[in-house]
Structures are given as C-alpha cells and as structure tokens.
Amino acid sequence: MRVKRAAGAMTASVALACSVPFVGGGAAQTPDQSAAKKPTAASISRGQIVFNDYFCAACHNLRAAGPAAHGILAALLEKQKFPALQVAAVVLNGLQREEYMPGYRGVLTRRQIDDVSAFVAKYSGTKVRCKECKSPGDVQKASTPSRPT
C-alpha cells in the first residue's frame, strides 16, 4: 500500500535528517540541545498550537493535535515515536528526498521549534489526546481578537 511505503520512507528520511545537510537553500543547521530538555506542560501546549497554526496537520496525523490532524501524505506520527532532536532537525531543515517537507528555518522562532518538537516527541507513537493542551475552542477564543462593542 502506498501510505505504508511512504511512512517507511519518511521514517528513514527522518533518521537521516540529523546527519545529512539540507540540500539547497543554504547550509544545514542542527538544532541546539534545548530541544532535548525535559519540556514543560506550557511548551507542549504551545507546540500543539504551532502544529496546527503552521498546517502540520495537513500532511501528518496526530490525535493529540486535535480533530484536524488526519493527514496521510507524510510521516504518520501516531505510528512511530520520534525524539525531539530528530523532530527539531526536520522542522528546521526540512527534507529533500522522496518524501518532501519544507524547512521552517527563518519562519519559526527557536522557541516555536522547541515547542513543536516537544509536542511531537511526547505524542508521536501514541493515539492519545494532549493532556497539557487547551481544547480547540479555547485556543480559538484566545487567538481571536475581541471586538469593541
């Protein structure tokens, strides 16, 4: 089945992402060790917001991200556990292989990369909901500016 093959190829690509430079678009950058620190609940919660705000859910599935995370085009994050440093390297540099993913260097801040890496590292390989995260309705209310009356 195509999806299983794609997931396997993505797994191999993710494993290599920490050691193989990003092809094109400048020199590869490696994530600093902050992605490997024990994340706080606030960091994981912010990571879920980054995951959804930057459309990770369009390609990746991860129940902890909420109801929109049903993508099947890339790594099926519920099927395999990924460590934070590996996630950070892929988010930072992207992948330029059979399975393409854009890098977010210059798009996301260091804190956003650390947060989304902590979120994915904690919940990849699982099918559980995020315990630290606000419900999608709460996130929407918090991010929607109030209108003057």
Protein backbone atom coordinates (compact mmCIF):
# COMPACT_ATOMS: atom_id res chain seq x y z
CA MET A 1 0.00 0.00 0.00
CA ARG A 2 1.34 3.45 -0.91
CA VAL A 3 0.76 5.03 2.51
CA LYS A 4 2.75 2.36 4.32
CA ARG A 5 5.63 2.72 1.86
CA ALA A 6 5.54 6.49 2.26
CA ALA A 7 5.57 6.19 6.05
CA GLY A 8 8.59 3.88 5.88
CA ALA A 9 10.44 6.21 3.53
CA MET A 10 9.67 9.13 5.80
CA THR A 11 10.96 7.22 8.81
CA ALA A 12 14.26 6.59 7.05
CA SER A 13 14.42 10.21 5.93
CA VAL A 14 13.79 11.47 9.45
CA ALA A 15 16.52 9.19 10.78
CA LEU A 16 18.96 10.70 8.30
CA ALA A 17 17.85 14.29 8.73
CA CYS A 18 20.09 14.89 11.74
CA SER A 19 23.22 13.88 9.85
CA VAL A 20 22.58 14.84 6.23
CA PRO A 21 22.68 18.52 5.25
CA PHE A 22 19.62 20.20 3.79
CA VAL A 23 20.05 20.23 0.02
CA GLY A 24 19.56 23.68 -1.44
CA GLY A 25 18.55 26.82 0.39
CA GLY A 26 21.79 27.31 2.32
CA ALA A 27 23.78 25.41 4.88
CA ALA A 28 22.10 22.90 7.11
CA GLN A 29 21.57 23.87 10.68
CA THR A 30 21.43 21.46 13.55
CA PRO A 31 19.03 22.01 16.41
CA ASP A 32 20.57 23.11 19.66
CA GLN A 33 20.26 20.95 22.74
CA SER A 34 17.29 22.95 24.07
CA ALA A 35 15.01 20.60 22.10
CA ALA A 36 16.31 17.68 24.19
CA LYS A 37 15.48 19.24 27.57
CA LYS A 38 12.51 17.95 29.53
CA PRO A 39 9.65 20.04 28.19
CA THR A 40 7.15 21.85 30.37
CA ALA A 41 3.39 21.48 30.02
CA ALA A 42 3.28 25.04 28.67
CA SER A 43 5.85 24.19 25.98
CA ILE A 44 3.87 21.12 24.88
CA SER A 45 0.65 23.16 24.77
CA ARG A 46 2.33 25.86 22.67
CA GLY A 47 3.70 23.11 20.42
CA GLN A 48 0.20 21.90 19.66
CA ILE A 49 -0.74 25.43 18.61
CA VAL A 50 2.32 25.67 16.32
CA PHE A 51 1.47 22.23 14.85
CA ASN A 52 -2.00 23.45 13.94
CA ASP A 53 -1.18 27.07 13.01
CA TYR A 54 1.57 26.07 10.55
CA PHE A 55 -0.56 23.36 8.88
CA CYS A 56 1.46 20.33 10.03
CA ALA A 57 -1.92 18.60 10.37
CA ALA A 58 -2.48 18.93 6.62
CA CYS A 59 0.13 16.21 5.98
CA HIS A 60 0.65 14.50 9.34
CA ASN A 61 -1.76 12.63 11.58
CA LEU A 62 -1.53 13.03 15.33
CA ARG A 63 -4.59 12.67 17.54
CA ALA A 64 -3.06 14.89 20.21
CA ALA A 65 -3.16 17.80 17.75
CA GLY A 66 -6.94 17.72 17.59
CA PRO A 67 -9.61 16.81 15.08
CA ALA A 68 -7.91 18.42 12.06
CA ALA A 69 -4.74 16.27 12.22
CA HIS A 70 -5.71 13.48 9.85
CA GLY A 71 -3.09 13.96 7.12
CA ILE A 72 -1.72 10.86 5.41
CA LEU A 73 0.77 12.38 2.99
CA ALA A 74 3.80 12.31 5.27
CA ALA A 75 5.07 10.59 8.40
CA LEU A 76 2.17 9.03 10.22
CA LEU A 77 3.20 10.37 13.58
CA GLU A 78 0.84 8.10 15.51
CA LYS A 79 2.65 5.02 14.20
CA GLN A 80 6.21 5.73 15.34
CA LYS A 81 7.93 7.57 18.19
CA PHE A 82 10.28 10.39 17.18
CA PRO A 83 12.78 12.00 19.59
CA ALA A 84 12.72 15.79 20.00
CA LEU A 85 16.17 16.40 18.45
CA GLN A 86 15.20 14.47 15.33
CA VAL A 87 11.93 16.37 15.03
CA ALA A 88 13.72 19.69 15.53
CA ALA A 89 16.26 18.86 12.78
CA VAL A 90 13.50 18.04 10.28
CA VAL A 91 11.41 21.09 11.23
CA LEU A 92 14.46 23.35 10.92
CA ASN A 93 15.96 21.94 7.69
CA GLY A 94 13.10 20.11 6.01
CA LEU A 95 13.52 17.01 3.85
CA GLN A 96 14.53 16.95 0.20
CA ARG A 97 14.02 13.29 -0.59
CA GLU A 98 11.24 11.07 -1.89
CA GLU A 99 9.11 12.48 0.91
CA TYR A 100 9.36 16.28 0.75
CA MET A 101 8.85 18.58 3.71
CA PRO A 102 9.70 22.28 3.72
CA GLY A 103 12.11 23.53 6.34
CA TYR A 104 10.88 26.22 8.70
CA ARG A 105 14.25 27.91 9.30
CA GLY A 106 13.56 31.64 9.21
CA VAL A 107 9.82 31.03 9.59
CA LEU A 108 9.57 29.66 13.13
CA THR A 109 11.43 31.05 16.12
CA ARG A 110 13.75 28.85 18.18
CA ARG A 111 11.06 28.67 20.86
CA GLN A 112 8.40 27.57 18.35
CA ILE A 113 10.73 24.85 17.00
CA ASP A 114 11.47 23.64 20.53
CA ASP A 115 7.77 23.69 21.43
CA VAL A 116 6.52 21.79 18.36
CA SER A 117 9.41 19.32 18.74
CA ALA A 118 8.47 18.72 22.38
CA PHE A 119 4.82 18.23 21.41
CA VAL A 120 5.58 15.77 18.59
CA ALA A 121 8.20 13.92 20.66
CA LYS A 122 5.75 13.43 23.52
CA TYR A 123 2.75 12.35 21.45
CA SER A 124 4.25 10.64 18.39
CA GLY A 125 3.80 6.89 18.57
CA THR A 126 0.55 7.34 20.51
CA LYS A 127 -3.14 7.78 19.81
CA VAL A 128 -3.96 9.79 22.91
CA ARG A 129 -5.25 13.31 23.25
CA CYS A 130 -2.95 16.03 24.53
CA LYS A 131 -3.34 16.36 28.30
CA GLU A 132 -1.49 19.68 28.51
CA CYS A 133 -3.34 21.36 25.64
CA LYS A 134 -6.35 23.59 25.57
CA SER A 135 -9.38 22.45 23.65
CA PRO A 136 -9.57 23.78 20.07
CA GLY A 137 -12.42 26.09 21.14
CA ASP A 138 -10.30 27.60 23.92
CA VAL A 139 -7.39 28.14 21.52
CA GLN A 140 -9.70 29.82 19.01
CA LYS A 141 -11.17 32.09 21.70
CA ALA A 142 -7.71 33.02 22.95
CA SER A 143 -6.40 33.83 19.46
CA THR A 144 -9.47 35.71 18.21
CA PRO A 145 -9.22 39.42 18.98
CA SER A 146 -12.14 40.83 20.88
CA ARG A 147 -14.32 43.28 19.02
CA PRO A 148 -15.25 46.61 20.56
CA THR A 149 -18.91 46.87 21.43
